[in-house]
C-alpha atoms as a PDB file:
ATOM      1  CA  MET A   1       0.000   0.000   0.000  1.00  0.00           C
ATOM      2  CA  SER A   2       1.248   3.448  -0.818  1.00  0.00           C
ATOM      3  CA  ALA A   3      -0.698   6.144   0.979  1.00  0.00           C
ATOM      4  CA  VAL A   4       0.561   9.543   2.022  1.00  0.00           C
ATOM      5  CA  SER A   5      -0.605  11.202   5.207  1.00  0.00           C
ATOM      6  CA  LEU A   6      -1.861  14.758   4.689  1.00  0.00           C
ATOM      7  CA  ALA A   7      -2.159  17.614   7.153  1.00  0.00           C
ATOM      8  CA  ALA A   8      -5.099  17.048   9.482  1.00  0.00           C
ATOM      9  CA  PRO A   9      -8.040  19.231   8.395  1.00  0.00           C
ATOM     10  CA  ALA A  10      -9.358  19.320  11.990  1.00  0.00           C
ATOM     11  CA  ASP A  11      -8.601  17.901  15.415  1.00  0.00           C
ATOM     12  CA  GLY A  12      -9.267  14.178  15.516  1.00  0.00           C
ATOM     13  CA  VAL A  13      -9.437  13.874  11.730  1.00  0.00           C
ATOM     14  CA  ALA A  14      -6.826  12.097   9.600  1.00  0.00           C
ATOM     15  CA  ALA A  15      -6.521  12.637   5.859  1.00  0.00           C
ATOM     16  CA  TRP A  16      -4.708  10.372   3.431  1.00  0.00           C
ATOM     17  CA  MET A  17      -4.052  10.322  -0.294  1.00  0.00           C
ATOM     18  CA  CYS A  18      -3.151   7.381  -2.507  1.00  0.00           C
ATOM     19  CA  GLU A  19      -2.449   6.887  -6.188  1.00  0.00           C
ATOM     20  CA  LEU A  20      -5.242   4.784  -7.661  1.00  0.00           C
ATOM     21  CA  ALA A  21      -3.500   3.968 -10.950  1.00  0.00           C
ATOM     22  CA  ARG A  22      -1.456   0.802 -10.300  1.00  0.00           C
ATOM     23  CA  THR A  23      -0.037  -2.128 -12.193  1.00  0.00           C
ATOM     24  CA  ASP A  24      -2.121  -5.266 -12.675  1.00  0.00           C
ATOM     25  CA  ASP A  25       0.178  -7.077 -10.221  1.00  0.00           C
ATOM     26  CA  ASP A  26      -0.398  -4.387  -7.573  1.00  0.00           C
ATOM     27  CA  VAL A  27      -4.172  -4.564  -8.079  1.00  0.00           C
ATOM     28  CA  ALA A  28      -4.126  -8.364  -7.758  1.00  0.00           C
ATOM     29  CA  ALA A  29      -2.076  -8.166  -4.551  1.00  0.00           C
ATOM     30  CA  LEU A  30      -4.442  -5.608  -3.033  1.00  0.00           C
ATOM     31  CA  ALA A  31      -7.589  -7.483  -4.113  1.00  0.00           C
ATOM     32  CA  VAL A  32      -6.961 -10.174  -1.483  1.00  0.00           C
ATOM     33  CA  LEU A  33      -7.875  -7.603   1.187  1.00  0.00           C
ATOM     34  CA  LEU A  34     -11.438  -7.139  -0.101  1.00  0.00           C
ATOM     35  CA  SER A  35     -14.560  -8.810   1.252  1.00  0.00           C
ATOM     36  CA  ALA A  36     -16.844 -10.945  -0.903  1.00  0.00           C
ATOM     37  CA  ALA A  37     -19.294  -8.044  -1.213  1.00  0.00           C
ATOM     38  CA  GLU A  38     -16.501  -5.711  -2.332  1.00  0.00           C
ATOM     39  CA  HIS A  39     -15.353  -8.261  -4.934  1.00  0.00           C
ATOM     40  CA  ALA A  40     -18.933  -8.466  -6.204  1.00  0.00           C
ATOM     41  CA  ARG A  41     -19.176  -4.688  -6.433  1.00  0.00           C
ATOM     42  CA  ALA A  42     -15.826  -4.474  -8.235  1.00  0.00           C
ATOM     43  CA  ALA A  43     -17.042  -7.064 -10.755  1.00  0.00           C
ATOM     44  CA  ARG A  44     -19.977  -4.802 -11.674  1.00  0.00           C
ATOM     45  CA  PHE A  45     -17.695  -2.033 -12.965  1.00  0.00           C
ATOM     46  CA  GLY A  46     -17.885  -2.132 -16.758  1.00  0.00           C
ATOM     47  CA  ARG A  47     -14.405  -0.835 -17.449  1.00  0.00           C
ATOM     48  CA  PRO A  48     -11.269  -2.588 -16.147  1.00  0.00           C
ATOM     49  CA  GLU A  49      -9.566   0.665 -15.151  1.00  0.00           C
ATOM     50  CA  LEU A  50     -12.538   1.698 -12.991  1.00  0.00           C
ATOM     51  CA  ARG A  51     -12.608  -1.765 -11.414  1.00  0.00           C
ATOM     52  CA  ALA A  52      -8.883  -1.518 -10.619  1.00  0.00           C
ATOM     53  CA  ARG A  53      -9.267   1.969  -9.100  1.00  0.00           C
ATOM     54  CA  TYR A  54     -12.081   0.732  -6.858  1.00  0.00           C
ATOM     55  CA  ILE A  55      -9.997  -2.235  -5.694  1.00  0.00           C
ATOM     56  CA  VAL A  56      -6.980  -0.051  -4.932  1.00  0.00           C
ATOM     57  CA  GLY A  57      -9.061   2.552  -3.101  1.00  0.00           C
ATOM     58  CA  ARG A  58     -11.022   0.074  -1.014  1.00  0.00           C
ATOM     59  CA  ALA A  59      -7.961  -2.048  -0.169  1.00  0.00           C
ATOM     60  CA  THR A  60      -6.053   1.080   0.854  1.00  0.00           C
ATOM     61  CA  LEU A  61      -8.969   2.159   3.053  1.00  0.00           C
ATOM     62  CA  ARG A  62      -8.978  -1.296   4.685  1.00  0.00           C
ATOM     63  CA  ALA A  63      -5.211  -1.162   5.267  1.00  0.00           C
ATOM     64  CA  LEU A  64      -5.374   2.305   6.834  1.00  0.00           C
ATOM     65  CA  LEU A  65      -8.333   1.429   9.054  1.00  0.00           C
ATOM     66  CA  GLY A  66      -6.733  -1.870  10.033  1.00  0.00           C
ATOM     67  CA  GLY A  67      -3.605  -0.008  11.095  1.00  0.00           C
ATOM     68  CA  GLU A  68      -5.604   2.456  13.176  1.00  0.00           C
ATOM     69  CA  LEU A  69      -7.734  -0.281  14.737  1.00  0.00           C
ATOM     70  CA  ASP A  70      -4.794  -2.671  15.255  1.00  0.00           C
ATOM     71  CA  MET A  71      -6.405  -5.432  13.228  1.00  0.00           C
ATOM     72  CA  ALA A  72      -5.870  -7.178   9.903  1.00  0.00           C
ATOM     73  CA  PRO A  73      -7.316  -5.228   6.960  1.00  0.00           C
ATOM     74  CA  GLN A  74      -9.407  -8.268   5.960  1.00  0.00           C
ATOM     75  CA  ASP A  75     -11.073  -8.231   9.391  1.00  0.00           C
ATOM     76  CA  VAL A  76     -12.277  -4.612   9.189  1.00  0.00           C
ATOM     77  CA  THR A  77     -16.041  -4.524   8.682  1.00  0.00           C
ATOM     78  CA  ILE A  78     -17.008  -1.703   6.360  1.00  0.00           C
ATOM     79  CA  GLY A  79     -20.681  -0.995   5.799  1.00  0.00           C
ATOM     80  CA  ARG A  80     -22.425   1.443   3.535  1.00  0.00           C
ATOM     81  CA  GLY A  81     -23.877   4.525   5.126  1.00  0.00           C
ATOM     82  CA  ARG A  82     -25.971   7.327   3.774  1.00  0.00           C
ATOM     83  CA  ARG A  83     -25.509   7.742   0.025  1.00  0.00           C
ATOM     84  CA  GLY A  84     -23.372   4.609  -0.067  1.00  0.00           C
ATOM     85  CA  ARG A  85     -20.402   6.101   1.711  1.00  0.00           C
ATOM     86  CA  PRO A  86     -18.249   3.684   3.715  1.00  0.00           C
ATOM     87  CA  GLN A  87     -18.741   3.488   7.468  1.00  0.00           C
ATOM     88  CA  LEU A  88     -17.375   1.320  10.249  1.00  0.00           C
END
């Protein structure tokens, strides 16, 4: 995972940035972190580049949250909140 920590926009808030364009090998390595539901959602993307960007973004989110929660990224439960945004 290659994410860069940004300046905190407010107290208690962390901001990160990652490059979503990755090699096929990188995408495959990150895909193992996704849940079955996330794999199913990724499969619905019509274009391979959009599918890869989703996988990289979601896997990076899992890795960051796992690090903050001191748990394996695969064990982080991410739901969908209002308007489909991720929530713990």
